[in-house]
N, C-alpha and C. Protein backbone atom coordinates (compact mmCIF):
# COMPACT_ATOMS: atom_id res chain seq x y z
N UNK A 1 71.06 197.81 -13.62
CA UNK A 1 72.13 198.78 -13.71
C UNK A 1 73.02 198.67 -12.49
N UNK A 2 74.31 198.97 -12.65
CA UNK A 2 75.26 198.91 -11.54
C UNK A 2 75.80 200.29 -11.25
N UNK A 3 76.38 200.43 -10.03
CA UNK A 3 76.90 201.72 -9.61
C UNK A 3 78.15 202.12 -10.38
N UNK A 4 78.74 201.13 -11.06
CA UNK A 4 80.00 201.40 -11.74
C UNK A 4 79.82 201.68 -13.23
N UNK A 5 78.56 201.84 -13.70
CA UNK A 5 78.36 202.04 -15.13
C UNK A 5 78.92 203.39 -15.57
N UNK A 6 79.18 203.50 -16.85
CA UNK A 6 79.74 204.73 -17.40
C UNK A 6 78.64 205.75 -17.65
N UNK A 7 79.02 207.03 -17.55
CA UNK A 7 78.14 208.13 -17.90
C UNK A 7 78.93 209.05 -18.80
N UNK A 8 78.48 209.14 -20.05
CA UNK A 8 79.20 209.92 -21.06
C UNK A 8 80.66 209.46 -21.17
N UNK A 9 80.84 208.15 -21.07
CA UNK A 9 82.17 207.58 -21.25
C UNK A 9 83.06 207.63 -20.01
N UNK A 10 82.54 208.14 -18.90
CA UNK A 10 83.34 208.22 -17.66
C UNK A 10 82.72 207.29 -16.62
N UNK A 11 83.52 206.39 -16.07
CA UNK A 11 83.00 205.42 -15.12
C UNK A 11 82.67 206.09 -13.79
N UNK A 12 81.89 205.39 -12.97
CA UNK A 12 81.53 205.89 -11.65
C UNK A 12 82.78 206.09 -10.79
N UNK A 13 83.72 205.16 -10.91
CA UNK A 13 84.96 205.27 -10.13
C UNK A 13 85.76 206.51 -10.53
N UNK A 14 85.79 206.78 -11.82
CA UNK A 14 86.51 207.98 -12.29
C UNK A 14 85.81 209.26 -11.82
N UNK A 15 84.49 209.28 -11.85
CA UNK A 15 83.75 210.47 -11.39
C UNK A 15 83.98 210.68 -9.90
N UNK A 16 84.01 209.60 -9.16
CA UNK A 16 84.25 209.73 -7.72
C UNK A 16 85.66 210.25 -7.46
N UNK A 17 86.65 209.77 -8.24
CA UNK A 17 88.02 210.25 -8.07
C UNK A 17 88.13 211.74 -8.37
N UNK A 18 87.40 212.20 -9.38
CA UNK A 18 87.40 213.63 -9.72
C UNK A 18 86.79 214.44 -8.58
N UNK A 19 85.70 213.95 -8.01
CA UNK A 19 85.08 214.67 -6.89
C UNK A 19 85.99 214.68 -5.67
N UNK A 20 86.65 213.57 -5.41
CA UNK A 20 87.57 213.51 -4.27
C UNK A 20 88.71 214.53 -4.45
N UNK A 21 89.27 214.58 -5.66
CA UNK A 21 90.35 215.53 -5.94
C UNK A 21 89.86 216.97 -5.77
N UNK A 22 88.61 217.23 -6.19
CA UNK A 22 88.06 218.58 -6.05
C UNK A 22 87.89 218.96 -4.59
N UNK A 23 87.50 218.02 -3.77
CA UNK A 23 87.34 218.28 -2.34
C UNK A 23 88.69 218.55 -1.67
N UNK A 24 89.70 217.77 -2.05
CA UNK A 24 91.04 217.99 -1.49
C UNK A 24 91.57 219.34 -1.92
N UNK A 25 91.37 219.68 -3.19
CA UNK A 25 91.82 220.97 -3.70
C UNK A 25 91.12 222.11 -2.97
N UNK A 26 89.83 221.95 -2.73
CA UNK A 26 89.07 222.97 -1.99
C UNK A 26 89.55 223.08 -0.56
N UNK A 27 89.89 221.94 0.05
CA UNK A 27 90.40 221.96 1.42
C UNK A 27 91.72 222.72 1.50
N UNK A 28 92.59 222.53 0.52
CA UNK A 28 93.85 223.27 0.48
C UNK A 28 93.59 224.78 0.37
N UNK A 29 92.62 225.16 -0.45
CA UNK A 29 92.25 226.57 -0.57
C UNK A 29 91.75 227.12 0.77
N UNK A 30 90.86 226.37 1.42
CA UNK A 30 90.28 226.83 2.68
C UNK A 30 91.33 226.94 3.78
N UNK A 31 92.23 225.96 3.83
CA UNK A 31 93.31 226.00 4.82
C UNK A 31 94.19 227.23 4.61
N UNK A 32 94.50 227.50 3.36
CA UNK A 32 95.37 228.63 3.07
C UNK A 32 94.70 229.96 3.40
N UNK A 33 93.42 230.07 3.09
CA UNK A 33 92.73 231.34 3.26
C UNK A 33 92.29 231.61 4.70
N UNK A 34 91.94 230.54 5.43
CA UNK A 34 91.40 230.76 6.78
C UNK A 34 91.98 229.90 7.87
N UNK A 35 92.99 229.09 7.54
CA UNK A 35 93.55 228.20 8.54
C UNK A 35 92.53 227.16 8.98
N UNK A 36 92.77 226.55 10.13
CA UNK A 36 91.84 225.52 10.61
C UNK A 36 90.47 226.11 10.92
N UNK A 37 90.44 227.36 11.31
CA UNK A 37 89.16 227.99 11.61
C UNK A 37 88.32 228.19 10.35
N UNK A 38 88.96 228.20 9.20
CA UNK A 38 88.25 228.46 7.96
C UNK A 38 87.84 227.22 7.19
N UNK A 39 88.08 226.05 7.77
CA UNK A 39 87.75 224.83 7.05
C UNK A 39 86.63 224.08 7.76
N UNK A 40 85.63 223.69 6.98
CA UNK A 40 84.51 222.91 7.48
C UNK A 40 83.86 222.20 6.31
N UNK A 41 83.00 221.26 6.60
CA UNK A 41 82.37 220.48 5.53
C UNK A 41 81.62 221.40 4.57
N UNK A 42 80.84 222.33 5.11
CA UNK A 42 80.05 223.22 4.24
C UNK A 42 80.96 224.11 3.41
N UNK A 43 82.02 224.66 4.04
CA UNK A 43 82.91 225.56 3.31
C UNK A 43 83.64 224.83 2.19
N UNK A 44 84.08 223.61 2.48
CA UNK A 44 84.78 222.83 1.46
C UNK A 44 83.84 222.46 0.32
N UNK A 45 82.64 222.03 0.66
CA UNK A 45 81.68 221.64 -0.38
C UNK A 45 81.29 222.83 -1.26
N UNK A 46 81.10 223.99 -0.62
CA UNK A 46 80.77 225.19 -1.39
C UNK A 46 81.89 225.53 -2.36
N UNK A 47 83.12 225.47 -1.86
CA UNK A 47 84.28 225.79 -2.71
C UNK A 47 84.39 224.78 -3.86
N UNK A 48 84.14 223.51 -3.58
CA UNK A 48 84.26 222.46 -4.60
C UNK A 48 83.02 222.37 -5.49
N UNK A 49 81.96 223.10 -5.16
CA UNK A 49 80.69 223.06 -5.89
C UNK A 49 80.11 221.64 -5.88
N UNK A 50 80.14 221.06 -4.69
CA UNK A 50 79.58 219.73 -4.48
C UNK A 50 78.70 219.75 -3.25
N UNK A 51 77.77 218.81 -3.16
CA UNK A 51 76.91 218.72 -1.99
C UNK A 51 77.59 217.86 -0.92
N UNK A 52 77.15 218.00 0.35
CA UNK A 52 77.71 217.18 1.42
C UNK A 52 77.61 215.68 1.15
N UNK A 53 76.65 215.29 0.36
CA UNK A 53 76.54 213.86 0.00
C UNK A 53 77.85 213.35 -0.58
N UNK A 54 78.46 214.16 -1.45
CA UNK A 54 79.69 213.72 -2.09
C UNK A 54 80.89 213.82 -1.14
N UNK A 55 80.80 214.73 -0.18
CA UNK A 55 81.85 214.76 0.85
C UNK A 55 81.89 213.42 1.58
N UNK A 56 80.73 212.99 2.06
CA UNK A 56 80.69 211.76 2.86
C UNK A 56 80.82 210.50 2.01
N UNK A 57 80.72 210.66 0.71
CA UNK A 57 81.03 209.55 -0.20
C UNK A 57 82.53 209.25 -0.17
N UNK A 58 83.33 210.28 0.14
CA UNK A 58 84.78 210.16 0.06
C UNK A 58 85.49 210.19 1.41
N UNK A 59 84.89 210.85 2.40
CA UNK A 59 85.57 211.04 3.68
C UNK A 59 84.61 210.77 4.84
N UNK A 60 85.14 210.13 5.87
CA UNK A 60 84.32 209.86 7.05
C UNK A 60 84.00 211.15 7.78
N UNK A 61 85.02 212.02 7.90
CA UNK A 61 84.83 213.28 8.61
C UNK A 61 85.88 214.29 8.14
N UNK A 62 85.88 215.44 8.77
CA UNK A 62 86.78 216.51 8.37
C UNK A 62 88.25 216.14 8.62
N UNK A 63 88.52 215.42 9.71
CA UNK A 63 89.89 215.01 10.00
C UNK A 63 90.47 214.16 8.87
N UNK A 64 89.65 213.28 8.31
CA UNK A 64 90.13 212.44 7.22
C UNK A 64 90.46 213.28 5.99
N UNK A 65 89.66 214.31 5.74
CA UNK A 65 89.96 215.22 4.63
C UNK A 65 91.25 215.99 4.91
N UNK A 66 91.46 216.45 6.14
CA UNK A 66 92.69 217.16 6.48
C UNK A 66 93.91 216.30 6.23
N UNK A 67 93.83 215.04 6.62
CA UNK A 67 94.94 214.11 6.37
C UNK A 67 95.21 213.99 4.88
N UNK A 68 94.14 213.86 4.10
CA UNK A 68 94.29 213.73 2.65
C UNK A 68 94.90 214.99 2.04
N UNK A 69 94.53 216.16 2.55
CA UNK A 69 95.08 217.41 2.03
C UNK A 69 96.57 217.52 2.34
N UNK A 70 96.95 217.15 3.56
CA UNK A 70 98.37 217.18 3.93
C UNK A 70 99.15 216.14 3.13
N UNK A 71 98.55 214.98 2.91
CA UNK A 71 99.20 213.96 2.09
C UNK A 71 99.43 214.47 0.67
N UNK A 72 98.47 215.21 0.13
CA UNK A 72 98.63 215.75 -1.22
C UNK A 72 99.82 216.70 -1.28
N UNK A 73 99.97 217.54 -0.26
CA UNK A 73 101.12 218.44 -0.21
C UNK A 73 102.41 217.65 -0.03
N UNK A 74 102.37 216.61 0.81
CA UNK A 74 103.55 215.78 1.02
C UNK A 74 103.96 215.04 -0.23
N UNK A 75 102.98 214.56 -0.98
CA UNK A 75 103.29 213.87 -2.24
C UNK A 75 103.96 214.81 -3.23
N UNK A 76 103.52 216.06 -3.23
CA UNK A 76 104.13 217.05 -4.12
C UNK A 76 105.59 217.27 -3.75
N UNK A 77 105.87 217.35 -2.45
CA UNK A 77 107.26 217.49 -1.98
C UNK A 77 108.08 216.28 -2.38
N UNK A 78 107.54 215.08 -2.18
CA UNK A 78 108.26 213.85 -2.49
C UNK A 78 108.61 213.76 -3.97
N UNK A 79 107.62 214.00 -4.82
CA UNK A 79 107.85 213.92 -6.27
C UNK A 79 108.92 214.91 -6.71
N UNK A 80 108.82 216.13 -6.21
CA UNK A 80 109.76 217.17 -6.60
C UNK A 80 111.17 216.85 -6.13
N UNK A 81 111.30 216.39 -4.88
CA UNK A 81 112.61 216.08 -4.32
C UNK A 81 113.25 214.90 -5.03
N UNK A 82 112.47 213.86 -5.31
CA UNK A 82 113.02 212.69 -5.98
C UNK A 82 113.49 213.03 -7.39
N UNK A 83 112.73 213.85 -8.09
CA UNK A 83 113.14 214.27 -9.43
C UNK A 83 114.43 215.09 -9.36
N UNK A 84 114.54 215.95 -8.35
CA UNK A 84 115.74 216.77 -8.21
C UNK A 84 116.96 215.92 -7.89
N UNK A 85 116.81 214.93 -7.02
CA UNK A 85 117.92 214.04 -6.68
C UNK A 85 118.36 213.26 -7.91
N UNK A 86 117.41 212.76 -8.68
CA UNK A 86 117.74 211.99 -9.88
C UNK A 86 118.50 212.85 -10.89
N UNK A 87 118.19 214.14 -10.94
CA UNK A 87 118.85 215.03 -11.90
C UNK A 87 120.18 215.57 -11.39
N UNK A 88 120.48 215.32 -10.12
CA UNK A 88 121.68 215.91 -9.51
C UNK A 88 122.96 215.16 -9.83
N UNK A 89 122.84 213.93 -10.36
CA UNK A 89 124.04 213.15 -10.64
C UNK A 89 124.47 212.33 -9.44
N UNK A 90 125.63 211.69 -9.51
CA UNK A 90 126.04 210.73 -8.48
C UNK A 90 126.67 211.34 -7.23
N UNK A 91 127.00 212.61 -7.25
CA UNK A 91 127.67 213.22 -6.10
C UNK A 91 126.72 213.36 -4.91
N UNK A 92 127.03 212.75 -3.75
CA UNK A 92 126.12 212.81 -2.60
C UNK A 92 125.83 214.23 -2.14
N UNK A 93 126.84 215.11 -2.17
CA UNK A 93 126.60 216.49 -1.74
C UNK A 93 125.58 217.17 -2.63
N UNK A 94 125.67 216.94 -3.93
CA UNK A 94 124.71 217.52 -4.86
C UNK A 94 123.32 216.92 -4.67
N UNK A 95 123.27 215.62 -4.40
CA UNK A 95 122.00 214.95 -4.17
C UNK A 95 121.29 215.49 -2.93
N UNK A 96 122.04 215.62 -1.85
CA UNK A 96 121.46 216.11 -0.60
C UNK A 96 120.95 217.53 -0.77
N UNK A 97 121.77 218.38 -1.37
CA UNK A 97 121.35 219.77 -1.55
C UNK A 97 120.12 219.85 -2.47
N UNK A 98 120.10 219.02 -3.50
CA UNK A 98 118.95 219.02 -4.40
C UNK A 98 117.68 218.63 -3.67
N UNK A 99 117.79 217.62 -2.81
CA UNK A 99 116.62 217.17 -2.05
C UNK A 99 116.13 218.26 -1.11
N UNK A 100 117.04 218.86 -0.36
CA UNK A 100 116.67 219.90 0.60
C UNK A 100 116.10 221.13 -0.12
N UNK A 101 116.82 221.59 -1.14
CA UNK A 101 116.42 222.81 -1.83
C UNK A 101 115.07 222.65 -2.53
N UNK A 102 114.88 221.53 -3.21
CA UNK A 102 113.63 221.33 -3.94
C UNK A 102 112.45 221.10 -3.01
N UNK A 103 112.66 220.30 -1.94
CA UNK A 103 111.59 220.05 -0.99
C UNK A 103 111.16 221.31 -0.27
N UNK A 104 112.13 222.09 0.19
CA UNK A 104 111.83 223.36 0.83
C UNK A 104 111.17 224.31 -0.17
N UNK A 105 111.64 224.26 -1.42
CA UNK A 105 111.10 225.14 -2.44
C UNK A 105 109.61 224.95 -2.67
N UNK A 106 109.14 223.71 -2.56
CA UNK A 106 107.71 223.46 -2.78
C UNK A 106 106.87 224.24 -1.78
N UNK A 107 107.21 224.11 -0.49
CA UNK A 107 106.39 224.79 0.53
C UNK A 107 106.68 226.28 0.60
N UNK A 108 107.89 226.68 0.20
CA UNK A 108 108.22 228.12 0.21
C UNK A 108 107.53 228.85 -0.95
N UNK A 109 107.35 228.17 -2.06
CA UNK A 109 106.80 228.81 -3.27
C UNK A 109 105.30 228.58 -3.46
N UNK A 110 104.76 227.58 -2.80
CA UNK A 110 103.34 227.26 -2.96
C UNK A 110 102.63 227.55 -1.63
N UNK A 111 101.93 228.66 -1.52
CA UNK A 111 101.29 229.03 -0.25
C UNK A 111 100.32 227.97 0.27
N UNK A 112 99.63 227.27 -0.64
CA UNK A 112 98.68 226.25 -0.18
C UNK A 112 99.41 225.07 0.44
N UNK A 113 100.50 224.64 -0.19
CA UNK A 113 101.29 223.55 0.39
C UNK A 113 101.87 223.97 1.73
N UNK A 114 102.30 225.22 1.82
CA UNK A 114 102.85 225.73 3.07
C UNK A 114 101.80 225.70 4.17
N UNK A 115 100.57 226.10 3.87
CA UNK A 115 99.51 226.10 4.87
C UNK A 115 99.22 224.69 5.36
N UNK A 116 99.15 223.73 4.44
CA UNK A 116 98.92 222.33 4.83
C UNK A 116 100.08 221.81 5.65
N UNK A 117 101.30 222.19 5.26
CA UNK A 117 102.50 221.77 5.97
C UNK A 117 102.49 222.30 7.40
N UNK A 118 102.06 223.55 7.59
CA UNK A 118 102.00 224.13 8.92
C UNK A 118 100.99 223.42 9.81
N UNK A 119 99.87 222.99 9.22
CA UNK A 119 98.88 222.24 9.98
C UNK A 119 99.48 220.93 10.46
N UNK A 120 100.17 220.22 9.56
CA UNK A 120 100.79 218.94 9.92
C UNK A 120 101.88 219.14 10.96
N UNK A 121 102.72 220.17 10.75
CA UNK A 121 103.83 220.42 11.67
C UNK A 121 103.32 220.78 13.05
N UNK A 122 102.13 221.41 13.10
CA UNK A 122 101.58 221.78 14.39
C UNK A 122 101.01 220.61 15.17
N UNK A 123 100.86 219.45 14.52
CA UNK A 123 100.39 218.28 15.23
C UNK A 123 98.96 218.41 15.73
N UNK A 124 98.10 219.06 14.97
CA UNK A 124 96.72 219.25 15.39
C UNK A 124 95.91 217.97 15.19
N UNK A 125 95.32 217.46 16.24
CA UNK A 125 94.41 216.34 16.14
C UNK A 125 94.94 215.17 15.34
N UNK A 126 94.22 214.86 14.26
CA UNK A 126 94.62 213.73 13.41
C UNK A 126 95.95 213.96 12.74
N UNK A 127 96.41 215.21 12.72
CA UNK A 127 97.68 215.51 12.07
C UNK A 127 98.89 215.04 12.88
N UNK A 128 98.69 214.83 14.19
CA UNK A 128 99.83 214.45 15.02
C UNK A 128 100.46 213.14 14.54
N UNK A 129 99.62 212.12 14.35
CA UNK A 129 100.14 210.84 13.88
C UNK A 129 100.62 210.94 12.44
N UNK A 130 99.90 211.71 11.63
CA UNK A 130 100.31 211.86 10.24
C UNK A 130 101.66 212.55 10.14
N UNK A 131 101.94 213.49 11.03
CA UNK A 131 103.23 214.16 11.03
C UNK A 131 104.36 213.15 11.24
N UNK A 132 104.18 212.24 12.19
CA UNK A 132 105.19 211.21 12.43
C UNK A 132 105.40 210.36 11.18
N UNK A 133 104.30 209.98 10.54
CA UNK A 133 104.38 209.15 9.34
C UNK A 133 105.08 209.88 8.20
N UNK A 134 104.77 211.17 8.04
CA UNK A 134 105.40 211.95 6.98
C UNK A 134 106.90 212.06 7.22
N UNK A 135 107.29 212.34 8.46
CA UNK A 135 108.72 212.44 8.79
C UNK A 135 109.44 211.15 8.46
N UNK A 136 108.88 210.02 8.85
CA UNK A 136 109.53 208.73 8.60
C UNK A 136 109.55 208.40 7.11
N UNK A 137 108.49 208.74 6.41
CA UNK A 137 108.45 208.46 4.98
C UNK A 137 109.50 209.27 4.23
N UNK A 138 109.60 210.55 4.56
CA UNK A 138 110.61 211.39 3.91
C UNK A 138 112.02 210.92 4.26
N UNK A 139 112.22 210.49 5.51
CA UNK A 139 113.54 209.98 5.91
C UNK A 139 113.90 208.75 5.10
N UNK A 140 112.93 207.86 4.90
CA UNK A 140 113.19 206.65 4.11
C UNK A 140 113.49 206.99 2.65
N UNK A 141 112.82 208.01 2.12
CA UNK A 141 113.10 208.43 0.75
C UNK A 141 114.53 208.93 0.60
N UNK A 142 115.00 209.68 1.58
CA UNK A 142 116.38 210.16 1.54
C UNK A 142 117.35 208.99 1.57
N UNK A 143 117.13 208.07 2.47
CA UNK A 143 118.02 206.92 2.58
C UNK A 143 118.06 206.10 1.29
N UNK A 144 116.92 206.00 0.63
CA UNK A 144 116.85 205.20 -0.59
C UNK A 144 117.43 205.93 -1.80
N UNK A 145 117.51 207.26 -1.71
CA UNK A 145 117.87 208.04 -2.89
C UNK A 145 119.29 208.56 -2.90
N UNK A 146 119.86 208.80 -1.73
CA UNK A 146 121.20 209.41 -1.65
C UNK A 146 122.26 208.32 -1.67
N UNK A 147 123.15 208.40 -2.64
CA UNK A 147 124.12 207.32 -2.84
C UNK A 147 125.09 207.16 -1.69
N UNK A 148 125.26 208.19 -0.86
CA UNK A 148 126.19 208.09 0.26
C UNK A 148 125.79 207.01 1.25
N UNK A 149 124.51 206.67 1.29
CA UNK A 149 124.06 205.65 2.24
C UNK A 149 123.29 204.51 1.58
N UNK A 150 122.73 204.75 0.41
CA UNK A 150 121.84 203.76 -0.19
C UNK A 150 122.59 202.51 -0.63
N UNK A 151 123.91 202.60 -0.79
CA UNK A 151 124.67 201.44 -1.22
C UNK A 151 125.29 200.68 -0.05
N UNK A 152 124.88 201.00 1.15
CA UNK A 152 125.53 200.44 2.32
C UNK A 152 125.06 199.07 2.75
N UNK A 153 124.05 198.50 2.09
CA UNK A 153 123.57 197.19 2.48
C UNK A 153 122.75 197.27 3.75
N UNK A 154 122.55 196.11 4.40
CA UNK A 154 121.67 196.05 5.56
C UNK A 154 122.38 196.38 6.87
N UNK A 155 123.70 196.24 6.91
CA UNK A 155 124.41 196.48 8.16
C UNK A 155 124.31 197.96 8.55
N UNK A 156 123.90 198.18 9.77
CA UNK A 156 123.76 199.55 10.26
C UNK A 156 122.58 200.31 9.70
N UNK A 157 121.69 199.61 9.00
CA UNK A 157 120.58 200.29 8.35
C UNK A 157 119.66 200.99 9.35
N UNK A 158 119.37 200.33 10.45
CA UNK A 158 118.48 200.93 11.43
C UNK A 158 119.10 202.16 12.08
N UNK A 159 120.42 202.13 12.28
CA UNK A 159 121.09 203.31 12.84
C UNK A 159 121.03 204.46 11.85
N UNK A 160 121.24 204.15 10.58
CA UNK A 160 121.14 205.19 9.55
C UNK A 160 119.71 205.74 9.50
N UNK A 161 118.73 204.86 9.65
CA UNK A 161 117.34 205.31 9.59
C UNK A 161 117.01 206.18 10.80
N UNK A 162 117.52 205.79 11.97
CA UNK A 162 117.30 206.61 13.16
C UNK A 162 117.89 208.00 12.98
N UNK A 163 119.08 208.05 12.38
CA UNK A 163 119.71 209.34 12.12
C UNK A 163 118.87 210.16 11.15
N UNK A 164 118.37 209.53 10.10
CA UNK A 164 117.58 210.23 9.09
C UNK A 164 116.26 210.74 9.67
N UNK A 165 115.61 209.93 10.53
CA UNK A 165 114.35 210.37 11.15
C UNK A 165 114.61 211.56 12.07
N UNK A 166 115.71 211.50 12.82
CA UNK A 166 116.08 212.61 13.70
C UNK A 166 116.30 213.89 12.89
N UNK A 167 117.06 213.76 11.81
CA UNK A 167 117.35 214.92 10.96
C UNK A 167 116.09 215.45 10.28
N UNK A 168 115.22 214.54 9.82
CA UNK A 168 114.02 214.99 9.14
C UNK A 168 113.09 215.71 10.10
N UNK A 169 112.98 215.22 11.33
CA UNK A 169 112.17 215.92 12.32
C UNK A 169 112.68 217.33 12.55
N UNK A 170 114.00 217.47 12.65
CA UNK A 170 114.58 218.79 12.82
C UNK A 170 114.39 219.66 11.59
N UNK A 171 114.51 219.05 10.42
CA UNK A 171 114.30 219.79 9.17
C UNK A 171 112.88 220.35 9.10
N UNK A 172 111.91 219.51 9.44
CA UNK A 172 110.52 219.94 9.45
C UNK A 172 110.32 221.10 10.42
N UNK A 173 110.93 220.99 11.61
CA UNK A 173 110.77 222.06 12.60
C UNK A 173 111.39 223.38 12.13
N UNK A 174 112.57 223.30 11.51
CA UNK A 174 113.22 224.52 11.03
C UNK A 174 112.38 225.16 9.91
N UNK A 175 111.94 224.34 8.95
CA UNK A 175 111.15 224.88 7.85
C UNK A 175 109.84 225.47 8.36
N UNK A 176 109.21 224.79 9.32
CA UNK A 176 107.97 225.31 9.89
C UNK A 176 108.22 226.66 10.57
N UNK A 177 109.35 226.79 11.28
CA UNK A 177 109.68 228.05 11.95
C UNK A 177 109.92 229.18 10.94
N UNK A 178 110.56 228.85 9.82
CA UNK A 178 110.81 229.85 8.78
C UNK A 178 109.50 230.26 8.12
N UNK A 179 108.65 229.28 7.79
CA UNK A 179 107.39 229.59 7.12
C UNK A 179 106.47 230.43 8.00
N UNK A 180 106.50 230.16 9.31
CA UNK A 180 105.64 230.91 10.23
C UNK A 180 106.30 232.20 10.71
N UNK A 181 107.51 232.46 10.18
CA UNK A 181 108.24 233.71 10.45
C UNK A 181 108.69 233.84 11.90
N UNK A 182 108.81 232.73 12.60
CA UNK A 182 109.43 232.77 13.93
C UNK A 182 110.95 232.77 13.79
N UNK A 183 111.42 232.39 12.62
CA UNK A 183 112.86 232.37 12.32
C UNK A 183 113.04 233.14 11.01
N UNK A 184 114.06 233.97 10.93
CA UNK A 184 114.19 234.88 9.78
C UNK A 184 115.44 234.60 8.94
N UNK A 185 115.90 233.37 8.94
CA UNK A 185 117.04 233.02 8.09
C UNK A 185 116.64 233.12 6.61
N UNK A 186 117.52 233.67 5.77
CA UNK A 186 117.24 233.67 4.33
C UNK A 186 117.15 232.25 3.79
N UNK A 187 116.43 232.12 2.70
CA UNK A 187 116.19 230.78 2.13
C UNK A 187 117.48 230.03 1.82
N UNK A 188 118.45 230.70 1.20
CA UNK A 188 119.69 230.02 0.83
C UNK A 188 120.48 229.58 2.06
N UNK A 189 120.40 230.37 3.13
CA UNK A 189 121.10 229.98 4.35
C UNK A 189 120.45 228.75 4.97
N UNK A 190 119.13 228.68 4.91
CA UNK A 190 118.43 227.50 5.42
C UNK A 190 118.85 226.26 4.65
N UNK A 191 118.87 226.39 3.32
CA UNK A 191 119.27 225.25 2.48
C UNK A 191 120.72 224.86 2.76
N UNK A 192 121.61 225.84 2.89
CA UNK A 192 123.03 225.55 3.17
C UNK A 192 123.18 224.81 4.50
N UNK A 193 122.51 225.32 5.52
CA UNK A 193 122.63 224.73 6.86
C UNK A 193 122.09 223.32 6.90
N UNK A 194 120.87 223.13 6.40
CA UNK A 194 120.26 221.80 6.45
C UNK A 194 121.04 220.80 5.59
N UNK A 195 121.51 221.24 4.43
CA UNK A 195 122.28 220.35 3.55
C UNK A 195 123.55 219.89 4.25
N UNK A 196 124.25 220.81 4.91
CA UNK A 196 125.48 220.46 5.60
C UNK A 196 125.23 219.48 6.74
N UNK A 197 124.15 219.69 7.49
CA UNK A 197 123.81 218.78 8.59
C UNK A 197 123.48 217.38 8.06
N UNK A 198 122.66 217.32 7.01
CA UNK A 198 122.30 216.03 6.42
C UNK A 198 123.53 215.30 5.89
N UNK A 199 124.33 216.01 5.12
CA UNK A 199 125.47 215.35 4.49
C UNK A 199 126.46 214.86 5.53
N UNK A 200 126.75 215.67 6.54
CA UNK A 200 127.70 215.26 7.56
C UNK A 200 127.22 214.04 8.33
N UNK A 201 125.94 214.02 8.67
CA UNK A 201 125.42 212.90 9.45
C UNK A 201 125.31 211.63 8.61
N UNK A 202 124.87 211.75 7.36
CA UNK A 202 124.70 210.55 6.54
C UNK A 202 126.03 209.93 6.13
N UNK A 203 127.04 210.74 5.99
CA UNK A 203 128.35 210.20 5.61
C UNK A 203 128.92 209.27 6.67
N UNK A 204 128.50 209.45 7.91
CA UNK A 204 128.94 208.56 8.99
C UNK A 204 128.48 207.13 8.71
N UNK A 205 127.33 207.02 8.04
CA UNK A 205 126.74 205.70 7.76
C UNK A 205 127.06 205.20 6.35
N UNK A 206 127.88 205.93 5.61
CA UNK A 206 128.21 205.51 4.26
C UNK A 206 129.12 204.29 4.29
N UNK A 207 129.11 203.46 3.24
CA UNK A 207 130.00 202.30 3.18
C UNK A 207 131.44 202.71 3.34
N UNK A 208 132.15 201.96 4.19
CA UNK A 208 133.57 202.22 4.38
C UNK A 208 133.89 203.23 5.46
N UNK A 209 132.85 203.85 6.03
CA UNK A 209 133.09 204.85 7.08
C UNK A 209 133.21 204.18 8.44
């Protein structure tokens, strides 16, 4: 017998993927309910109704699970923003606003995503490097999706990317401040402000500018 055999029609790989997803989902619950102080291997396993054996089947340690939980929230933001940009039509202003509004909307409307986002934004432990990666990944998605810059070819690409990374870092900081209630701007004002900053800066790098 092999480790990959099927059980009731479900392969070992599929069962492991289901357990991994359950652990990530439980981690998001624990982060939301108790913050970093409320998350631990035992708490996550209890929430997921799995034994520690299955935790260590999927993750080396708690930091690796935290990274996976933040990645899950980041993937949700990415998917939502890309779908919104695609539905916005060819106008760059509409595309930028759609990306900002939808991305912010995910963490504003989903408390679990917001909690994971706050952990990443805080740069705690393993999250510090992941925060940098998330910022750069989101910046690259904007550059690839917004027609104001995506048609510009290779010339000036690195300058455009530097601008996008700078803006994304600031966007993350503003959203984190709003979510943690250190800043009290209304949601629409946040979207208006960030959209205007993004559009103005990216247009500098648009073809023909």
